[in-house]
């Protein structure tokens, strides 16, 4: 159960980082054009 919780937290952070990165990329592209 503990391993699953740690994996969930780590995957959640990773997904958040990917989401933030794609959002900032879209923002940069729209402002660069």
PDB file of N, CA and C in Angstrom:
ATOM      1  N   UNK A   1       0.842  -1.200   0.000  1.00  0.00           N
ATOM      2  CA  UNK A   1       0.000   0.000   0.000  1.00  0.00           C
ATOM      3  C   UNK A   1       0.880   1.254   0.000  1.00  0.00           C
ATOM      4  N   UNK A   2       1.939   1.208   0.779  1.00  0.00           N
ATOM      5  CA  UNK A   2       2.838   2.366   0.849  1.00  0.00           C
ATOM      6  C   UNK A   2       3.504   2.600  -0.504  1.00  0.00           C
ATOM      7  N   UNK A   3       3.953   1.506  -1.142  1.00  0.00           N
ATOM      8  CA  UNK A   3       4.602   1.634  -2.442  1.00  0.00           C
ATOM      9  C   UNK A   3       3.650   2.271  -3.452  1.00  0.00           C
ATOM     10  N   UNK A   4       2.393   1.859  -3.404  1.00  0.00           N
ATOM     11  CA  UNK A   4       1.402   2.409  -4.335  1.00  0.00           C
ATOM     12  C   UNK A   4       1.207   3.897  -4.088  1.00  0.00           C
ATOM     13  N   UNK A   5       1.186   4.294  -2.816  1.00  0.00           N
ATOM     14  CA  UNK A   5       0.997   5.712  -2.487  1.00  0.00           C
ATOM     15  C   UNK A   5       2.168   6.532  -3.010  1.00  0.00           C
ATOM     16  N   UNK A   6       3.377   6.033  -2.798  1.00  0.00           N
ATOM     17  CA  UNK A   6       4.571   6.740  -3.273  1.00  0.00           C
ATOM     18  C   UNK A   6       4.529   6.848  -4.791  1.00  0.00           C
ATOM     19  N   UNK A   7       4.181   5.741  -5.472  1.00  0.00           N
ATOM     20  CA  UNK A   7       4.107   5.759  -6.932  1.00  0.00           C
ATOM     21  C   UNK A   7       3.068   6.765  -7.399  1.00  0.00           C
ATOM     22  N   UNK A   8       1.931   6.808  -6.696  1.00  0.00           N
ATOM     23  CA  UNK A   8       0.857   7.728  -7.071  1.00  0.00           C
ATOM     24  C   UNK A   8       1.329   9.176  -6.945  1.00  0.00           C
ATOM     25  N   UNK A   9       2.029   9.474  -5.856  1.00  0.00           N
ATOM     26  CA  UNK A   9       2.523  10.838  -5.632  1.00  0.00           C
ATOM     27  C   UNK A   9       3.559  11.196  -6.704  1.00  0.00           C
ATOM     28  N   UNK A  10       4.480  10.275  -6.968  1.00  0.00           N
ATOM     29  CA  UNK A  10       5.530  10.541  -7.959  1.00  0.00           C
ATOM     30  C   UNK A  10       4.926  10.730  -9.344  1.00  0.00           C
ATOM     31  N   UNK A  11       4.005   9.848  -9.725  1.00  0.00           N
ATOM     32  CA  UNK A  11       3.379   9.956 -11.045  1.00  0.00           C
ATOM     33  C   UNK A  11       2.563  11.234 -11.134  1.00  0.00           C
ATOM     34  N   UNK A  12       1.926  11.616 -10.037  1.00  0.00           N
ATOM     35  CA  UNK A  12       1.136  12.846 -10.018  1.00  0.00           C
ATOM     36  C   UNK A  12       2.022  14.054 -10.247  1.00  0.00           C
ATOM     37  N   UNK A  13       3.188  14.073  -9.598  1.00  0.00           N
ATOM     38  CA  UNK A  13       4.114  15.187  -9.774  1.00  0.00           C
ATOM     39  C   UNK A  13       4.616  15.220 -11.211  1.00  0.00           C
ATOM     40  N   UNK A  14       4.916  14.029 -11.759  1.00  0.00           N
ATOM     41  CA  UNK A  14       5.413  13.961 -13.130  1.00  0.00           C
ATOM     42  C   UNK A  14       4.359  14.486 -14.101  1.00  0.00           C
ATOM     43  N   UNK A  15       3.112  14.066 -13.915  1.00  0.00           N
ATOM     44  CA  UNK A  15       2.032  14.522 -14.795  1.00  0.00           C
ATOM     45  C   UNK A  15       1.861  16.028 -14.682  1.00  0.00           C
ATOM     46  N   UNK A  16       1.978  16.566 -13.477  1.00  0.00           N
ATOM     47  CA  UNK A  16       1.838  18.001 -13.272  1.00  0.00           C
ATOM     48  C   UNK A  16       2.956  18.747 -13.987  1.00  0.00           C
ATOM     49  N   UNK A  17       4.192  18.203 -13.918  1.00  0.00           N
ATOM     50  CA  UNK A  17       5.318  18.841 -14.594  1.00  0.00           C
ATOM     51  C   UNK A  17       5.106  18.837 -16.104  1.00  0.00           C
ATOM     52  N   UNK A  18       4.633  17.700 -16.633  1.00  0.00           N
ATOM     53  CA  UNK A  18       4.383  17.601 -18.075  1.00  0.00           C
ATOM     54  C   UNK A  18       3.292  18.579 -18.481  1.00  0.00           C
ATOM     55  N   UNK A  19       2.243  18.687 -17.669  1.00  0.00           N
ATOM     56  CA  UNK A  19       1.135  19.599 -17.963  1.00  0.00           C
ATOM     57  C   UNK A  19       1.619  21.041 -17.959  1.00  0.00           C
ATOM     58  N   UNK A  20       2.400  21.397 -16.944  1.00  0.00           N
ATOM     59  CA  UNK A  20       2.923  22.763 -16.856  1.00  0.00           C
ATOM     60  C   UNK A  20       3.830  23.067 -18.042  1.00  0.00           C
ATOM     61  N   UNK A  21       4.638  22.080 -18.434  1.00  0.00           N
ATOM     62  CA  UNK A  21       5.581  22.281 -19.527  1.00  0.00           C
ATOM     63  C   UNK A  21       4.840  22.506 -20.839  1.00  0.00           C
ATOM     64  N   UNK A  22       3.830  21.678 -21.113  1.00  0.00           N
ATOM     65  CA  UNK A  22       3.082  21.822 -22.367  1.00  0.00           C
ATOM     66  C   UNK A  22       2.313  23.139 -22.369  1.00  0.00           C
ATOM     67  N   UNK A  23       1.783  23.531 -21.207  1.00  0.00           N
ATOM     68  CA  UNK A  23       1.024  24.779 -21.120  1.00  0.00           C
ATOM     69  C   UNK A  23       1.949  25.966 -21.369  1.00  0.00           C
ATOM     70  N   UNK A  24       3.149  25.947 -20.791  1.00  0.00           N
ATOM     71  CA  UNK A  24       4.086  27.051 -20.981  1.00  0.00           C
ATOM     72  C   UNK A  24       4.583  27.071 -22.425  1.00  0.00           C
ATOM     73  N   UNK A  25       4.747  25.885 -23.032  1.00  0.00           N
ATOM     74  CA  UNK A  25       5.172  25.819 -24.429  1.00  0.00           C
ATOM     75  C   UNK A  25       4.128  26.462 -25.331  1.00  0.00           C
ATOM     76  N   UNK A  26       2.863  26.161 -25.095  1.00  0.00           N
ATOM     77  CA  UNK A  26       1.784  26.753 -25.896  1.00  0.00           C
ATOM     78  C   UNK A  26       1.763  28.266 -25.698  1.00  0.00           C
ATOM     79  N   UNK A  27       1.970  28.698 -24.461  1.00  0.00           N
ATOM     80  CA  UNK A  27       1.960  30.130 -24.147  1.00  0.00           C
ATOM     81  C   UNK A  27       3.112  30.821 -24.866  1.00  0.00           C
ATOM     82  N   UNK A  28       4.295  30.196 -24.841  1.00  0.00           N
ATOM     83  CA  UNK A  28       5.458  30.794 -25.501  1.00  0.00           C
ATOM     84  C   UNK A  28       5.234  30.864 -27.009  1.00  0.00           C
ATOM     85  N   UNK A  29       4.668  29.800 -27.581  1.00  0.00           N
ATOM     86  CA  UNK A  29       4.440  29.782 -29.028  1.00  0.00           C
ATOM     87  C   UNK A  29       3.450  30.869 -29.429  1.00  0.00           C
ATOM     88  N   UNK A  30       2.384  31.013 -28.655  1.00  0.00           N
ATOM     89  CA  UNK A  30       1.349  31.990 -29.008  1.00  0.00           C
ATOM     90  C   UNK A  30       1.884  33.411 -28.865  1.00  0.00           C
ATOM     91  N   UNK A  31       2.778  33.645 -27.910  1.00  0.00           N
ATOM     92  CA  UNK A  31       3.305  34.995 -27.710  1.00  0.00           C
ATOM     93  C   UNK A  31       4.479  35.281 -28.639  1.00  0.00           C
ATOM     94  N   UNK A  32       5.130  34.211 -29.128  1.00  0.00           N
ATOM     95  CA  UNK A  32       6.267  34.411 -30.024  1.00  0.00           C
ATOM     96  C   UNK A  32       5.770  34.772 -31.422  1.00  0.00           C
ATOM     97  N   UNK A  33       4.632  34.185 -31.813  1.00  0.00           N
ATOM     98  CA  UNK A  33       4.109  34.396 -33.168  1.00  0.00           C
ATOM     99  C   UNK A  33       3.630  35.833 -33.366  1.00  0.00           C
TER     100      UNK A  33
END
